[in-house]
N, C-alpha and C. Protein backbone atom coordinates (compact mmCIF):
# COMPACT_ATOMS: atom_id res chain seq x y z
N MET A 1 8.75 -3.45 1.71
CA MET A 1 7.90 -4.62 1.84
C MET A 1 7.27 -4.89 0.47
N LYS A 2 7.19 -6.12 0.14
CA LYS A 2 6.57 -6.54 -1.12
C LYS A 2 5.06 -6.65 -0.94
N ALA A 3 4.30 -6.41 -2.01
CA ALA A 3 2.84 -6.46 -1.96
C ALA A 3 2.35 -7.82 -1.46
N LYS A 4 3.00 -8.89 -1.91
CA LYS A 4 2.55 -10.23 -1.50
C LYS A 4 2.70 -10.43 0.01
N ASP A 5 3.74 -9.86 0.62
CA ASP A 5 3.92 -9.97 2.07
C ASP A 5 2.84 -9.18 2.81
N TYR A 6 2.53 -8.00 2.29
CA TYR A 6 1.50 -7.16 2.88
C TYR A 6 0.14 -7.85 2.83
N VAL A 7 -0.21 -8.38 1.66
CA VAL A 7 -1.50 -9.05 1.47
C VAL A 7 -1.56 -10.33 2.29
N ASN A 8 -0.50 -11.12 2.29
CA ASN A 8 -0.48 -12.37 3.07
C ASN A 8 -0.71 -12.11 4.55
N ASN A 9 -0.12 -11.03 5.06
CA ASN A 9 -0.32 -10.68 6.46
C ASN A 9 -1.78 -10.35 6.73
N LEU A 10 -2.41 -9.61 5.83
CA LEU A 10 -3.83 -9.29 5.99
C LEU A 10 -4.70 -10.54 5.92
N VAL A 11 -4.39 -11.43 4.99
CA VAL A 11 -5.15 -12.68 4.86
C VAL A 11 -5.05 -13.51 6.14
N GLU A 12 -3.86 -13.62 6.69
CA GLU A 12 -3.68 -14.38 7.94
C GLU A 12 -4.46 -13.75 9.09
N MET A 13 -4.46 -12.42 9.16
CA MET A 13 -5.23 -11.74 10.21
C MET A 13 -6.72 -12.03 10.05
N LEU A 14 -7.21 -11.99 8.82
CA LEU A 14 -8.63 -12.26 8.56
C LEU A 14 -9.01 -13.71 8.85
N LYS A 15 -8.08 -14.64 8.60
CA LYS A 15 -8.34 -16.04 8.92
C LYS A 15 -8.50 -16.23 10.42
N LYS A 16 -7.68 -15.54 11.20
CA LYS A 16 -7.75 -15.66 12.66
C LYS A 16 -9.02 -15.03 13.21
N ASP A 17 -9.43 -13.91 12.61
CA ASP A 17 -10.63 -13.22 13.09
C ASP A 17 -11.29 -12.48 11.93
N PRO A 18 -12.29 -13.07 11.29
CA PRO A 18 -12.95 -12.46 10.13
C PRO A 18 -13.57 -11.09 10.42
N GLN A 19 -13.85 -10.79 11.69
CA GLN A 19 -14.43 -9.48 12.03
C GLN A 19 -13.46 -8.34 11.72
N ILE A 20 -12.18 -8.65 11.58
CA ILE A 20 -11.20 -7.62 11.23
C ILE A 20 -11.56 -6.97 9.90
N GLY A 21 -12.21 -7.72 9.02
CA GLY A 21 -12.62 -7.19 7.73
C GLY A 21 -13.62 -6.05 7.81
N GLU A 22 -14.24 -5.86 8.96
CA GLU A 22 -15.21 -4.78 9.15
C GLU A 22 -14.60 -3.53 9.78
N LEU A 23 -13.31 -3.58 10.11
CA LEU A 23 -12.65 -2.43 10.74
C LEU A 23 -12.28 -1.37 9.71
N GLU A 24 -12.25 -0.11 10.16
CA GLU A 24 -11.75 0.97 9.32
C GLU A 24 -10.24 0.79 9.14
N VAL A 25 -9.73 1.17 7.98
CA VAL A 25 -8.29 1.08 7.71
C VAL A 25 -7.68 2.47 7.86
N ILE A 26 -6.64 2.56 8.67
CA ILE A 26 -5.91 3.82 8.86
C ILE A 26 -4.44 3.58 8.57
N TYR A 27 -3.69 4.66 8.45
CA TYR A 27 -2.24 4.53 8.28
C TYR A 27 -1.53 5.56 9.13
N SER A 28 -0.31 5.25 9.48
CA SER A 28 0.53 6.15 10.26
C SER A 28 1.33 7.02 9.29
N GLN A 29 1.39 8.32 9.58
CA GLN A 29 2.13 9.21 8.69
C GLN A 29 3.64 9.06 8.84
N ASP A 30 4.09 8.50 9.94
CA ASP A 30 5.52 8.28 10.11
C ASP A 30 5.75 7.02 10.94
N ASP A 31 6.99 6.62 11.03
CA ASP A 31 7.30 5.36 11.72
C ASP A 31 7.17 5.46 13.24
N GLU A 32 6.98 6.67 13.77
CA GLU A 32 6.82 6.84 15.21
C GLU A 32 5.35 6.91 15.64
N GLY A 33 4.43 6.91 14.67
CA GLY A 33 3.02 6.97 15.00
C GLY A 33 2.57 8.32 15.55
N ASN A 34 3.19 9.40 15.06
CA ASN A 34 2.83 10.73 15.54
C ASN A 34 1.47 11.22 15.04
N SER A 35 1.01 10.66 13.93
CA SER A 35 -0.26 11.07 13.36
C SER A 35 -0.84 9.92 12.55
N TYR A 36 -2.16 9.80 12.58
CA TYR A 36 -2.85 8.75 11.84
C TYR A 36 -3.94 9.36 10.98
N GLN A 37 -4.18 8.75 9.82
CA GLN A 37 -5.26 9.18 8.94
C GLN A 37 -5.95 7.96 8.36
N LYS A 38 -7.21 8.16 7.92
CA LYS A 38 -7.95 7.07 7.30
C LYS A 38 -7.44 6.84 5.88
N VAL A 39 -7.43 5.59 5.45
CA VAL A 39 -7.15 5.25 4.05
C VAL A 39 -8.44 5.54 3.30
N ASN A 40 -8.37 6.42 2.30
CA ASN A 40 -9.56 6.86 1.58
C ASN A 40 -9.67 6.32 0.17
N PHE A 41 -8.60 5.77 -0.35
CA PHE A 41 -8.59 5.37 -1.75
C PHE A 41 -8.18 3.91 -1.90
N HIS A 42 -8.59 3.31 -2.98
CA HIS A 42 -8.15 1.95 -3.30
C HIS A 42 -6.68 2.00 -3.69
N ALA A 43 -6.02 0.88 -3.58
CA ALA A 43 -4.61 0.80 -3.98
C ALA A 43 -4.48 1.11 -5.47
N CYS A 44 -3.32 1.66 -5.84
CA CYS A 44 -3.06 1.93 -7.25
C CYS A 44 -1.62 1.55 -7.58
N LEU A 45 -1.36 1.38 -8.86
CA LEU A 45 -0.03 1.01 -9.34
C LEU A 45 0.69 2.25 -9.83
N LEU A 46 2.01 2.30 -9.59
CA LEU A 46 2.79 3.47 -9.96
C LEU A 46 4.12 3.09 -10.60
N LYS A 47 4.64 4.01 -11.40
CA LYS A 47 6.03 3.96 -11.85
C LYS A 47 6.74 5.02 -11.03
N THR A 48 7.78 4.61 -10.31
CA THR A 48 8.46 5.51 -9.38
C THR A 48 9.96 5.51 -9.59
N LYS A 49 10.60 6.48 -8.96
CA LYS A 49 12.06 6.54 -8.86
C LYS A 49 12.41 6.68 -7.39
N GLY A 50 13.53 6.13 -7.01
CA GLY A 50 14.04 6.34 -5.66
C GLY A 50 13.46 5.43 -4.61
N LEU A 51 13.10 4.20 -4.94
CA LEU A 51 12.54 3.31 -3.93
C LEU A 51 13.52 2.96 -2.82
N LYS A 52 14.80 3.19 -3.05
CA LYS A 52 15.79 2.92 -2.01
C LYS A 52 15.97 4.12 -1.09
N ASN A 53 15.32 5.23 -1.41
CA ASN A 53 15.42 6.45 -0.62
C ASN A 53 14.18 6.60 0.26
N GLN A 54 14.25 7.53 1.21
CA GLN A 54 13.09 7.80 2.06
C GLN A 54 11.99 8.50 1.27
N TYR A 55 12.37 9.39 0.37
CA TYR A 55 11.39 10.14 -0.42
C TYR A 55 11.36 9.59 -1.83
N ILE A 56 10.17 9.27 -2.29
CA ILE A 56 10.00 8.59 -3.57
C ILE A 56 9.34 9.54 -4.56
N ASP A 57 9.89 9.63 -5.76
CA ASP A 57 9.30 10.42 -6.83
C ASP A 57 8.40 9.54 -7.67
N VAL A 58 7.15 9.97 -7.85
CA VAL A 58 6.21 9.25 -8.68
C VAL A 58 6.26 9.83 -10.08
N GLU A 59 6.51 8.97 -11.06
CA GLU A 59 6.54 9.42 -12.45
C GLU A 59 5.17 9.38 -13.08
N ILE A 60 4.41 8.29 -12.83
CA ILE A 60 3.11 8.14 -13.46
C ILE A 60 2.30 7.07 -12.73
N GLN A 61 0.98 7.27 -12.69
CA GLN A 61 0.08 6.23 -12.20
C GLN A 61 -0.25 5.32 -13.37
N ILE A 62 -0.26 4.02 -13.12
CA ILE A 62 -0.45 3.02 -14.17
C ILE A 62 -1.81 2.36 -14.01
N ASP A 63 -2.55 2.25 -15.10
CA ASP A 63 -3.85 1.57 -15.09
C ASP A 63 -3.63 0.11 -14.71
N GLU A 64 -4.49 -0.42 -13.85
CA GLU A 64 -4.30 -1.80 -13.37
C GLU A 64 -4.35 -2.83 -14.49
N ASP A 65 -4.94 -2.49 -15.63
CA ASP A 65 -4.98 -3.40 -16.77
C ASP A 65 -3.74 -3.32 -17.63
N GLU A 66 -2.84 -2.38 -17.31
CA GLU A 66 -1.65 -2.16 -18.13
C GLU A 66 -0.35 -2.39 -17.36
N ILE A 67 -0.39 -3.21 -16.31
CA ILE A 67 0.82 -3.48 -15.54
C ILE A 67 1.88 -4.09 -16.44
N ASP A 68 3.10 -3.60 -16.32
CA ASP A 68 4.20 -4.08 -17.12
C ASP A 68 5.51 -3.90 -16.38
N LYS A 69 6.62 -4.02 -17.07
CA LYS A 69 7.93 -3.93 -16.42
C LYS A 69 8.21 -2.55 -15.84
N ASN A 70 7.44 -1.53 -16.27
CA ASN A 70 7.63 -0.18 -15.73
C ASN A 70 6.93 0.04 -14.40
N THR A 71 6.05 -0.89 -14.01
CA THR A 71 5.36 -0.76 -12.74
C THR A 71 6.32 -1.12 -11.62
N THR A 72 6.49 -0.19 -10.68
CA THR A 72 7.49 -0.41 -9.63
C THR A 72 6.92 -0.42 -8.23
N ALA A 73 5.67 0.06 -8.05
CA ALA A 73 5.16 0.17 -6.68
C ALA A 73 3.64 0.07 -6.65
N LEU A 74 3.15 -0.35 -5.48
CA LEU A 74 1.73 -0.39 -5.17
C LEU A 74 1.50 0.66 -4.08
N CYS A 75 0.68 1.65 -4.36
CA CYS A 75 0.40 2.72 -3.40
C CYS A 75 -0.90 2.39 -2.68
N ILE A 76 -0.89 2.46 -1.34
CA ILE A 76 -2.09 2.09 -0.58
C ILE A 76 -2.96 3.28 -0.23
N ASN A 77 -2.55 4.50 -0.51
CA ASN A 77 -3.42 5.65 -0.26
C ASN A 77 -3.02 6.81 -1.12
């Protein structure tokens, strides 16, 4: 999923019901919903390898002021 699609979905949800903005944010550890945890950190930018694979190798975290062609992913937690 692209960051713009993720953000647009959140914006549309907030337009329908602004109270959603006051909810805690959690994430599912797997696609079956076997475990959930709270999102504790702000999103960050990363340079990664293997985005087409299930397991992704992170090479380096990128400062948000230094985004460039090496930035490959937005991490939400």
